[in-house]
Amino acid sequence: MSRCFSKSSFAFFLALGFALASGSHGQTLYSVVDLGDLPGGSASRAFAINDNGEICGTSTVSNSTRGFFWSESAGMIDIGSPGSGFQIVAQDINNGGVIAGYGDSVNETVGFVWDPVNGSQNVGTLSGSNRTFLRGINDAGVATGRSNGEGITWDTVNGLQTTGHLGSGAADNQAINELGQIAGASFDPSFNLHAYTWDSQNGATDIGALIGKNSVSYANDINNFGVVAGSFLNPTSESVSYVWDPATGLDLPGAVPGAPGDSQANAINDSGQVVGAGGSVAFIYKPGTGVRDLNNLLDSSGDLWTLSTALDINERGQIVGIGDAPDGTVSAFLLNPANTFADTIQVTRGTVRAGSLNDLIASDDNDLSVSRNPVDVQPTISIEFCTQSFISSPDDLTFTLESSVFARANISQEIELFDFSSQQWEQVDMRNASRFGDLTVTVDTSGNVSRFVEAGSRAMKARVTFNSAQPRARFSANIDRVEWNF
């Protein structure tokens, strides 16, 4: 079992000065995975991905739309149907692997939840309606959508319940976060369609009015900080992406460079990374890096691909959507970042002086600084870094550390990777640390690379230790970048 600390542990260890909380991921290249189709399928679309890399979407089979569940180990699985004659849309998936979606037919629309053990469950409809759509689900199993024109939630305890609205009684809920905050669209009292949020404590909030857009607006996703991603129509009826933060207000990402036209922000993760589509190309956006065409961020696996829409991004930075595959078919894709950064840090010897995980993703001289604890009898600083691989058995793996020390005498620097097969630390590099500016060390692992990836969790761990030969030595270590590359 991995000993990396979870997010729930961060506050405790930070109070003790031993650990630092999670930071955001940096811009990177991506490798493309073609998710393929169900047997006999001719086109597929990926709508959502959870933090375990499990995906849901649709596959077109003989002019029928089928819902699918996909994982690296199981591949693509047909999730079946809540009845006969339905076109199935698997819309969202939570971290428990539970899918929320709907089956559509001429006479009715049935909202459902699905899981690998129990299969599909019809959630029913509100009185007077035969149309129920489920579009989002959180880890508590609360799904959201609309029924009979009203915004709804559903769970196994309370069944279908209506949510609030902006005044007209009509709403279409699109997403729900772990706090139960919902994002969608609702008609205001003047019957203008506005982006809105709703929760049980604060009721409905008119995001369309807050962003100063009285035209049509939509909220497509909401992260766990209450930040909303969506789009609105400008005076020429062109769709424009926006991000709205309750703390900082409106942010307009702008058009994709070289691809003007309609844009729509479809999803946002807790790091503030936004994905969507603009000018018929998939994009990623984060404040400080601007809008980037994902087609320009692909490694060689993306040759001959055209990514048209990015529909979701998880907390690992993995992205799913729709594109044109090299064989010309419309296909669901998964983008795996070609590198990953530390998610958690544990300082087992030493004291944190400054910095955070945000300082470990770029070579910018913003460092994590750790000093030798003067009461420690051993003149040692030791830091463990934890992350998660995107794939269970990578073909290649390198680890990069950029560091320096502040010391009067030589300090040794040892890099170790944890071997999960033997349950032991394996030394991969040993040298004197640099006392005169940052030193970048890249270790190219060999042999059975998967030994450094824990089965199941896909956890990876690295440890760097600084030692002095002088028992009373006072020194500090500065870490500028920690990175795993696949």
Protein backbone atom coordinates (compact mmCIF):
# COMPACT_ATOMS: atom_id res chain seq x y z
CA MET A 1 0.00 0.00 0.00
CA SER A 2 1.24 3.48 -0.83
CA ARG A 3 2.18 5.70 2.08
CA CYS A 4 1.57 8.90 0.12
CA PHE A 5 -0.62 11.22 2.12
CA SER A 6 -4.11 12.07 0.93
CA LYS A 7 -5.51 15.56 0.63
CA SER A 8 -7.37 15.08 3.90
CA SER A 9 -4.04 14.68 5.69
CA PHE A 10 -2.48 17.90 4.40
CA ALA A 11 -3.77 20.28 7.06
CA PHE A 12 -2.50 18.08 9.90
CA PHE A 13 1.01 17.70 8.53
CA LEU A 14 1.24 21.33 7.44
CA ALA A 15 0.47 22.34 11.01
CA LEU A 16 3.44 20.26 12.12
CA GLY A 17 5.65 21.70 9.40
CA PHE A 18 6.28 18.29 7.82
CA ALA A 19 4.14 18.24 4.67
CA LEU A 20 2.83 20.54 1.98
CA ALA A 21 -0.54 20.56 0.27
CA SER A 22 -1.29 19.83 -3.35
CA GLY A 23 -0.57 22.37 -6.06
CA SER A 24 -1.54 22.79 -9.68
CA HIS A 25 -0.06 20.96 -12.62
CA GLY A 26 1.98 22.68 -15.30
CA GLN A 27 1.56 22.82 -19.05
CA THR A 28 2.75 19.66 -20.74
CA LEU A 29 2.64 17.48 -23.82
CA TYR A 30 0.04 14.75 -24.16
CA SER A 31 -0.10 11.26 -25.58
CA VAL A 32 -3.30 10.18 -27.35
CA VAL A 33 -5.23 7.00 -26.61
CA ASP A 34 -7.90 6.01 -29.16
CA LEU A 35 -10.72 4.53 -27.07
CA GLY A 36 -12.13 2.78 -30.12
CA ASP A 37 -15.73 1.57 -30.38
CA LEU A 38 -18.03 -1.11 -29.09
CA PRO A 39 -18.14 -4.19 -31.37
CA GLY A 40 -19.64 -3.16 -34.68
CA GLY A 41 -19.39 0.52 -33.80
CA SER A 42 -18.64 3.26 -36.30
CA ALA A 43 -18.15 6.34 -34.08
CA SER A 44 -17.58 7.08 -30.40
CA ARG A 45 -17.60 10.07 -28.06
CA ALA A 46 -16.12 10.41 -24.57
CA PHE A 47 -18.07 12.72 -22.26
CA ALA A 48 -16.50 12.36 -18.81
CA ILE A 49 -13.50 10.95 -16.92
CA ASN A 50 -13.09 10.39 -13.20
CA ASP A 51 -9.91 10.69 -11.15
CA ASN A 52 -9.18 6.98 -11.59
CA GLY A 53 -9.04 7.36 -15.37
CA GLU A 54 -12.40 5.63 -15.92
CA ILE A 55 -14.43 7.08 -18.79
CA CYS A 56 -18.03 7.11 -19.99
CA GLY A 57 -19.50 8.08 -23.34
CA THR A 58 -21.36 6.77 -26.37
CA SER A 59 -20.65 4.49 -29.32
CA THR A 60 -22.76 4.34 -32.48
CA VAL A 61 -23.57 0.75 -33.41
CA SER A 62 -25.82 0.05 -36.43
CA ASN A 63 -27.47 3.48 -36.18
CA SER A 64 -28.13 2.94 -32.47
CA THR A 65 -26.39 4.96 -29.75
CA ARG A 66 -24.99 2.82 -26.95
CA GLY A 67 -23.50 3.97 -23.67
CA PHE A 68 -20.08 2.74 -22.61
CA PHE A 69 -17.80 2.45 -19.59
CA TRP A 70 -14.06 2.38 -20.30
CA SER A 71 -11.04 1.62 -18.13
CA GLU A 72 -7.44 0.78 -18.95
CA SER A 73 -7.85 -2.76 -17.62
CA ALA A 74 -11.35 -3.59 -18.92
CA GLY A 75 -11.43 -1.64 -22.16
CA MET A 76 -14.81 -0.49 -23.50
CA ILE A 77 -17.93 -2.10 -22.00
CA ASP A 78 -21.54 -1.69 -23.18
CA ILE A 79 -23.54 -0.54 -20.14
CA GLY A 80 -26.83 -1.78 -21.57
CA SER A 81 -30.16 0.03 -21.47
CA PRO A 82 -32.89 0.77 -18.91
CA GLY A 83 -35.42 -0.47 -21.48
CA SER A 84 -35.90 -1.26 -25.16
CA GLY A 85 -35.71 1.24 -27.98
CA PHE A 86 -33.58 3.84 -26.21
CA GLN A 87 -30.64 5.83 -27.54
CA ILE A 88 -28.25 5.81 -24.57
CA VAL A 89 -26.14 8.74 -23.41
CA ALA A 90 -23.66 7.99 -20.59
CA GLN A 91 -23.10 11.58 -19.45
CA ASP A 92 -20.98 11.61 -16.29
CA ILE A 93 -19.02 9.24 -14.03
CA ASN A 94 -18.00 9.66 -10.40
CA ASN A 95 -14.93 8.30 -8.62
CA GLY A 96 -16.86 5.21 -7.59
CA GLY A 97 -17.39 4.30 -11.24
CA VAL A 98 -21.10 5.15 -11.12
CA ILE A 99 -22.45 6.61 -14.36
CA ALA A 100 -25.36 9.06 -14.71
CA GLY A 101 -27.11 9.45 -18.04
CA TYR A 102 -30.32 9.02 -19.93
CA GLY A 103 -32.01 6.90 -22.54
CA ASP A 104 -33.97 8.77 -25.18
CA SER A 105 -36.81 7.50 -27.37
CA VAL A 106 -39.69 8.95 -29.35
CA ASN A 107 -42.12 8.58 -26.48
CA GLU A 108 -40.03 9.13 -23.37
CA THR A 109 -36.63 9.96 -21.90
CA VAL A 110 -35.46 7.90 -18.96
CA GLY A 111 -32.78 9.06 -16.53
CA PHE A 112 -30.61 6.30 -15.12
CA VAL A 113 -27.59 5.52 -12.98
CA TRP A 114 -25.33 2.55 -13.72
CA ASP A 115 -22.61 0.72 -11.90
CA PRO A 116 -20.70 -2.48 -12.77
CA VAL A 117 -22.39 -4.50 -10.00
CA ASN A 118 -26.04 -3.46 -10.21
CA GLY A 119 -26.32 -2.37 -13.83
CA SER A 120 -28.84 0.35 -14.79
CA GLN A 121 -31.43 1.82 -12.46
CA ASN A 122 -34.28 3.97 -13.78
CA VAL A 123 -34.63 7.05 -11.53
CA GLY A 124 -38.19 7.84 -12.59
CA THR A 125 -39.76 11.18 -13.50
CA LEU A 126 -41.52 14.05 -11.80
CA SER A 127 -45.29 14.02 -11.85
CA GLY A 128 -46.68 15.05 -15.22
CA SER A 129 -43.46 14.33 -17.10
CA ASN A 130 -42.12 11.52 -19.24
CA ARG A 131 -38.73 13.16 -19.87
CA THR A 132 -35.90 12.93 -17.35
CA PHE A 133 -32.28 13.72 -18.16
CA LEU A 134 -29.38 13.06 -15.76
CA ARG A 135 -26.22 14.99 -16.66
CA GLY A 136 -23.95 14.99 -13.60
CA ILE A 137 -23.16 12.90 -10.51
CA ASN A 138 -20.87 13.47 -7.53
CA ASP A 139 -19.01 11.01 -5.32
CA ALA A 140 -21.86 10.93 -2.80
CA GLY A 141 -24.04 9.46 -5.56
CA VAL A 142 -26.18 12.58 -5.93
CA ALA A 143 -27.11 13.02 -9.60
CA THR A 144 -28.52 16.14 -11.21
CA GLY A 145 -30.35 17.05 -14.39
CA ARG A 146 -33.88 18.02 -15.33
CA SER A 147 -37.36 16.53 -15.39
CA ASN A 148 -40.60 18.14 -16.55
CA GLY A 149 -38.56 21.27 -17.32
CA GLU A 150 -37.38 21.63 -13.72
CA GLY A 151 -33.92 21.20 -12.25
CA ILE A 152 -33.62 18.03 -10.20
CA THR A 153 -31.38 15.96 -7.98
CA TRP A 154 -31.61 12.23 -7.34
CA ASP A 155 -30.08 9.84 -4.85
CA THR A 156 -30.97 6.42 -3.50
CA VAL A 157 -32.31 7.83 -0.21
CA ASN A 158 -34.39 10.82 -1.33
CA GLY A 159 -35.25 9.88 -4.89
CA LEU A 160 -36.10 12.73 -7.28
CA GLN A 161 -36.26 16.22 -5.82
CA THR A 162 -36.59 19.60 -7.48
CA THR A 163 -33.93 22.28 -7.08
CA GLY A 164 -34.33 26.02 -7.22
CA HIS A 165 -34.42 28.26 -10.28
CA LEU A 166 -34.12 31.92 -11.23
CA GLY A 167 -37.82 32.72 -11.16
CA SER A 168 -39.55 31.13 -14.12
CA GLY A 169 -39.70 27.62 -12.69
CA ALA A 170 -37.60 26.16 -15.50
CA ALA A 171 -34.00 24.97 -15.17
CA ASP A 172 -31.58 22.53 -16.76
CA ASN A 173 -28.85 21.37 -14.36
CA GLN A 174 -25.56 20.28 -15.93
CA ALA A 175 -23.07 19.51 -13.15
CA ILE A 176 -22.77 18.97 -9.40
CA ASN A 177 -19.64 19.20 -7.23
CA GLU A 178 -18.71 17.42 -3.99
CA LEU A 179 -20.31 20.19 -1.91
CA GLY A 180 -23.66 19.71 -3.65
CA GLN A 181 -23.34 22.95 -5.61
CA ILE A 182 -25.08 22.71 -8.98
CA ALA A 183 -24.38 24.58 -12.22
CA GLY A 184 -26.69 24.88 -15.20
CA ALA A 185 -29.05 27.30 -16.90
CA SER A 186 -32.40 28.73 -15.86
CA PHE A 187 -34.88 31.31 -17.14
CA ASP A 188 -34.98 34.48 -15.08
CA PRO A 189 -38.32 36.23 -14.30
CA SER A 190 -38.12 37.98 -17.70
CA PHE A 191 -37.56 34.59 -19.38
CA ASN A 192 -33.94 35.30 -20.30
CA LEU A 193 -31.89 32.08 -20.24
CA HIS A 194 -29.01 32.65 -17.80
CA ALA A 195 -26.20 30.57 -16.37
CA TYR A 196 -26.90 29.89 -12.72
CA THR A 197 -25.76 27.96 -9.69
CA TRP A 198 -27.82 26.47 -6.91
CA ASP A 199 -27.22 24.91 -3.52
CA SER A 200 -29.44 24.14 -0.57
CA GLN A 201 -27.97 26.88 1.63
CA ASN A 202 -27.77 29.83 -0.77
CA GLY A 203 -30.47 28.97 -3.28
CA ALA A 204 -30.17 30.14 -6.88
CA THR A 205 -27.50 32.60 -8.04
CA ASP A 206 -27.81 34.32 -11.41
CA ILE A 207 -24.33 33.95 -12.89
CA GLY A 208 -25.47 35.51 -16.16
CA ALA A 209 -26.30 38.73 -14.34
CA LEU A 210 -23.10 38.65 -12.26
CA ILE A 211 -20.91 38.39 -15.35
CA GLY A 212 -22.81 41.30 -16.89
CA LYS A 213 -24.23 39.29 -19.76
CA ASN A 214 -27.96 39.68 -20.20
CA SER A 215 -27.90 37.55 -23.34
CA VAL A 216 -28.18 33.77 -23.34
CA SER A 217 -25.61 32.12 -21.07
CA TYR A 218 -24.88 28.61 -19.85
CA ALA A 219 -22.92 27.06 -16.98
CA ASN A 220 -21.46 23.72 -18.05
CA ASP A 221 -19.35 22.73 -15.04
CA ILE A 222 -18.48 23.73 -11.48
CA ASN A 223 -15.41 22.68 -9.49
CA ASN A 224 -15.11 22.17 -5.75
CA PHE A 225 -14.18 25.83 -5.22
CA GLY A 226 -17.44 26.95 -6.82
CA VAL A 227 -15.69 28.16 -9.98
CA VAL A 228 -17.96 27.89 -13.03
CA ALA A 229 -17.03 27.30 -16.67
CA GLY A 230 -19.46 27.95 -19.50
CA SER A 231 -20.35 30.22 -22.40
CA PHE A 232 -22.56 33.13 -23.36
CA LEU A 233 -23.76 34.65 -26.62
CA ASN A 234 -22.24 37.99 -27.60
CA PRO A 235 -24.19 40.70 -29.51
CA THR A 236 -23.45 38.94 -32.83
CA SER A 237 -24.77 35.62 -31.39
CA GLU A 238 -21.29 34.14 -31.26
CA SER A 239 -20.62 31.77 -28.37
CA VAL A 240 -17.88 33.02 -26.00
CA SER A 241 -16.17 30.99 -23.27
CA TYR A 242 -16.05 32.32 -19.73
CA VAL A 243 -14.86 31.32 -16.27
CA TRP A 244 -16.54 32.81 -13.22
CA ASP A 245 -14.91 32.67 -9.79
CA PRO A 246 -17.01 33.78 -6.79
CA ALA A 247 -13.84 35.26 -5.27
CA THR A 248 -12.35 37.05 -8.29
CA GLY A 249 -15.22 37.43 -10.74
CA LEU A 250 -15.27 37.04 -14.51
CA ASP A 251 -12.41 35.71 -16.63
CA LEU A 252 -12.63 35.56 -20.42
CA PRO A 253 -10.12 33.03 -21.84
CA GLY A 254 -10.38 34.42 -25.37
CA ALA A 255 -10.30 32.67 -28.72
CA VAL A 256 -8.04 29.78 -29.60
CA PRO A 257 -5.03 31.22 -31.50
CA GLY A 258 -5.53 30.63 -35.20
CA ALA A 259 -9.04 29.28 -34.69
CA PRO A 260 -11.49 32.16 -34.32
CA GLY A 261 -15.20 31.55 -33.98
CA ASP A 262 -17.55 30.09 -31.41
CA SER A 263 -15.95 28.85 -28.20
CA GLN A 264 -17.34 26.95 -25.25
CA ALA A 265 -15.75 26.04 -21.93
CA ASN A 266 -16.98 22.54 -21.11
CA ALA A 267 -15.21 21.48 -17.92
CA ILE A 268 -12.97 22.75 -15.12
CA ASN A 269 -10.95 20.89 -12.47
CA ASP A 270 -9.86 22.02 -9.03
CA SER A 271 -6.52 23.27 -10.37
CA GLY A 272 -8.43 25.73 -12.55
CA GLN A 273 -7.60 23.97 -15.83
CA VAL A 274 -10.43 24.50 -18.31
CA VAL A 275 -11.09 22.49 -21.46
CA GLY A 276 -13.50 23.09 -24.28
CA ALA A 277 -13.83 23.78 -27.98
CA GLY A 278 -13.17 26.90 -30.02
CA GLY A 279 -13.20 27.32 -33.78
CA SER A 280 -13.70 23.54 -34.15
CA VAL A 281 -10.55 22.64 -32.20
CA ALA A 282 -10.14 21.36 -28.65
CA PHE A 283 -8.45 23.72 -26.19
CA ILE A 284 -7.05 23.89 -22.69
CA TYR A 285 -6.89 27.10 -20.68
CA LYS A 286 -5.52 28.25 -17.37
CA PRO A 287 -4.86 31.80 -16.17
CA GLY A 288 -1.23 32.63 -16.78
CA THR A 289 -0.80 30.25 -19.71
CA GLY A 290 -3.65 31.42 -21.94
CA VAL A 291 -5.71 29.35 -24.37
CA ARG A 292 -3.77 26.54 -26.05
CA ASP A 293 -4.85 24.42 -29.02
CA LEU A 294 -4.54 20.84 -27.76
CA ASN A 295 -3.61 19.71 -31.27
CA ASN A 296 -0.35 21.61 -30.82
CA LEU A 297 0.43 19.87 -27.52
CA LEU A 298 0.52 16.26 -28.71
CA ASP A 299 3.50 13.94 -28.89
CA SER A 300 4.07 11.61 -31.84
CA SER A 301 1.07 9.47 -30.85
CA GLY A 302 -1.10 12.38 -31.97
CA ASP A 303 0.17 12.37 -35.56
CA LEU A 304 -2.78 12.58 -37.99
CA TRP A 305 -5.27 13.18 -35.20
CA THR A 306 -7.54 16.26 -35.16
CA LEU A 307 -9.03 16.95 -31.74
CA SER A 308 -12.26 18.87 -32.18
CA THR A 309 -13.78 19.00 -28.70
CA ALA A 310 -12.46 18.48 -25.18
CA LEU A 311 -15.34 17.60 -22.88
CA ASP A 312 -13.83 16.82 -19.50
CA ILE A 313 -10.62 17.01 -17.45
CA ASN A 314 -9.92 15.23 -14.17
CA GLU A 315 -7.75 16.19 -11.21
CA ARG A 316 -4.80 14.32 -12.77
CA GLY A 317 -5.00 16.52 -15.86
CA GLN A 318 -6.26 13.71 -18.10
CA ILE A 319 -8.59 14.93 -20.84
CA VAL A 320 -11.33 13.24 -22.86
CA GLY A 321 -13.33 14.34 -25.86
CA ILE A 322 -14.05 13.82 -29.53
CA GLY A 323 -11.71 13.90 -32.51
CA ASP A 324 -11.01 12.62 -35.98
CA ALA A 325 -8.75 9.57 -35.74
CA PRO A 326 -6.01 8.82 -38.29
CA ASP A 327 -8.37 6.42 -40.12
CA GLY A 328 -10.90 9.23 -40.60
CA THR A 329 -13.46 7.98 -38.09
CA VAL A 330 -14.97 10.09 -35.33
CA SER A 331 -13.50 8.64 -32.17
CA ALA A 332 -13.43 9.15 -28.42
CA PHE A 333 -9.97 10.09 -27.20
CA LEU A 334 -8.08 10.12 -23.94
CA LEU A 335 -5.12 12.47 -23.48
CA ASN A 336 -2.53 11.39 -20.91
CA PRO A 337 0.00 14.02 -19.87
CA ALA A 338 3.48 12.84 -20.87
CA ASN A 339 4.77 14.00 -17.50
CA THR A 340 3.47 14.39 -13.99
CA PHE A 341 4.51 16.32 -10.91
CA ALA A 342 4.41 15.65 -7.17
CA ASP A 343 0.98 15.54 -5.55
CA THR A 344 2.19 15.36 -1.96
CA ILE A 345 5.41 15.90 -0.07
CA GLN A 346 6.55 14.47 3.25
CA VAL A 347 9.62 15.98 4.88
CA THR A 348 10.86 13.14 7.10
CA ARG A 349 14.01 14.99 8.22
CA GLY A 350 14.32 18.75 8.17
CA THR A 351 12.09 21.80 8.48
CA VAL A 352 10.22 23.54 5.67
CA ARG A 353 11.35 27.15 5.41
CA ALA A 354 9.50 28.36 2.32
CA GLY A 355 7.77 27.29 -0.87
CA SER A 356 5.02 24.93 -1.96
CA LEU A 357 4.24 22.30 -4.57
CA ASN A 358 3.48 25.10 -7.02
CA ASP A 359 7.20 25.87 -6.94
CA LEU A 360 8.18 22.38 -8.17
CA ILE A 361 6.69 22.40 -11.66
CA ALA A 362 8.96 24.82 -13.50
CA SER A 363 12.62 25.87 -13.64
CA ASP A 364 11.97 29.37 -12.33
CA ASP A 365 14.06 29.71 -9.16
CA ASN A 366 10.92 29.61 -7.00
CA ASP A 367 12.03 26.84 -4.68
CA LEU A 368 10.81 24.60 -1.93
CA SER A 369 13.38 25.31 0.78
CA VAL A 370 14.07 22.82 3.61
CA SER A 371 16.69 23.32 6.31
CA ARG A 372 18.46 20.78 8.49
CA ASN A 373 16.75 20.53 11.87
CA PRO A 374 19.41 21.63 14.39
CA VAL A 375 18.01 19.32 17.10
CA ASP A 376 18.36 16.27 14.83
CA VAL A 377 21.42 14.24 15.80
CA GLN A 378 21.95 13.29 12.15
CA PRO A 379 22.99 16.06 9.70
CA THR A 380 20.36 15.00 7.19
CA ILE A 381 17.50 16.40 5.12
CA SER A 382 15.14 13.82 3.61
CA ILE A 383 12.08 14.51 1.46
CA GLU A 384 9.60 12.08 -0.10
CA PHE A 385 7.55 12.99 -3.18
CA CYS A 386 4.41 11.11 -4.17
CA THR A 387 2.42 11.12 -7.41
CA GLN A 388 0.31 8.83 -9.57
CA SER A 389 1.10 7.32 -12.96
CA PHE A 390 -1.45 7.66 -15.73
CA ILE A 391 -0.77 4.12 -16.91
CA SER A 392 -0.13 0.96 -14.93
CA SER A 393 2.80 -0.36 -17.01
CA PRO A 394 4.78 2.42 -18.68
CA ASP A 395 7.38 1.41 -21.28
CA ASP A 396 9.80 4.14 -20.24
CA LEU A 397 10.15 6.26 -17.14
CA THR A 398 12.54 9.06 -16.20
CA PHE A 399 12.74 11.06 -13.00
CA THR A 400 14.09 14.62 -12.93
CA LEU A 401 15.22 16.60 -9.91
CA GLU A 402 16.44 20.19 -10.05
CA SER A 403 18.06 21.26 -6.79
CA SER A 404 20.83 23.08 -4.94
CA VAL A 405 22.08 23.43 -1.37
CA PHE A 406 23.18 26.35 0.76
CA ALA A 407 26.17 25.05 2.70
CA ARG A 408 29.80 25.80 3.55
CA ALA A 409 31.04 22.29 2.72
CA ASN A 410 30.11 19.49 0.34
CA ILE A 411 26.73 17.87 0.83
CA SER A 412 25.87 14.51 -0.72
CA GLN A 413 22.63 14.09 -2.67
CA GLU A 414 20.99 10.68 -3.01
CA ILE A 415 17.94 9.98 -5.22
CA GLU A 416 15.86 6.86 -4.62
CA LEU A 417 12.71 5.48 -6.26
CA PHE A 418 10.42 3.11 -4.42
CA ASP A 419 10.30 -0.42 -5.83
CA PHE A 420 6.78 -1.70 -5.13
CA SER A 421 7.66 -5.26 -6.16
CA SER A 422 10.34 -5.60 -3.46
CA GLN A 423 8.82 -2.96 -1.14
CA GLN A 424 12.22 -1.27 -0.85
CA TRP A 425 13.83 2.01 -1.83
CA GLU A 426 16.19 1.67 -4.79
CA GLN A 427 19.09 4.10 -5.18
CA VAL A 428 19.16 5.51 -8.72
CA ASP A 429 21.64 8.37 -8.33
CA MET A 430 24.31 9.51 -5.87
CA ARG A 431 26.50 12.62 -6.17
CA ASN A 432 27.50 15.84 -4.45
CA ALA A 433 24.76 18.44 -4.42
CA SER A 434 25.40 21.76 -6.15
CA ARG A 435 26.39 24.67 -3.92
CA PHE A 436 26.64 27.08 -6.86
CA GLY A 437 23.26 27.22 -8.59
CA ASP A 438 20.69 24.60 -9.52
CA LEU A 439 21.79 21.18 -10.72
CA THR A 440 19.39 19.18 -12.91
CA VAL A 441 19.63 15.40 -12.63
CA THR A 442 17.55 13.18 -14.93
CA VAL A 443 17.53 9.48 -14.11
CA ASP A 444 16.53 7.11 -16.91
CA THR A 445 15.26 3.91 -15.34
CA SER A 446 15.88 0.56 -17.00
CA GLY A 447 14.62 -2.99 -16.84
CA ASN A 448 11.18 -3.60 -15.37
CA VAL A 449 9.98 0.00 -15.21
CA SER A 450 6.57 -1.03 -13.81
CA ARG A 451 8.25 -1.95 -10.50
CA PHE A 452 8.18 1.75 -9.68
CA VAL A 453 4.37 1.90 -10.18
CA GLU A 454 2.12 0.40 -7.51
CA ALA A 455 -0.41 -2.09 -8.88
CA GLY A 456 -3.97 -0.85 -8.62
CA SER A 457 -3.37 2.66 -7.25
CA ARG A 458 -0.61 3.47 -9.83
CA ALA A 459 1.20 5.40 -7.06
CA MET A 460 4.85 6.39 -7.54
CA LYS A 461 7.29 7.61 -4.88
CA ALA A 462 10.69 9.25 -4.96
CA ARG A 463 13.00 10.24 -2.11
CA VAL A 464 15.91 12.68 -2.08
CA THR A 465 18.30 12.75 0.86
CA PHE A 466 21.01 15.33 1.60
CA ASN A 467 23.80 14.39 4.05
CA SER A 468 26.73 16.21 5.55
CA ALA A 469 29.91 14.53 6.82
CA GLN A 470 30.07 17.18 9.56
CA PRO A 471 27.72 16.35 12.49
CA ARG A 472 27.13 20.00 13.43
CA ALA A 473 26.73 21.31 9.87
CA ARG A 474 23.98 23.80 9.21
CA PHE A 475 22.64 23.69 5.66
CA SER A 476 19.47 23.92 3.60
CA ALA A 477 18.24 22.25 0.40
CA ASN A 478 16.35 24.05 -2.33
CA ILE A 479 14.15 22.00 -4.70
CA ASP A 480 13.09 23.77 -7.89
CA ARG A 481 11.58 20.95 -9.98
CA VAL A 482 10.41 17.38 -9.45
CA GLU A 483 9.04 15.57 -12.49
CA TRP A 484 8.31 12.08 -13.78
CA ASN A 485 8.26 11.57 -17.57
CA PHE A 486 6.77 8.61 -19.45
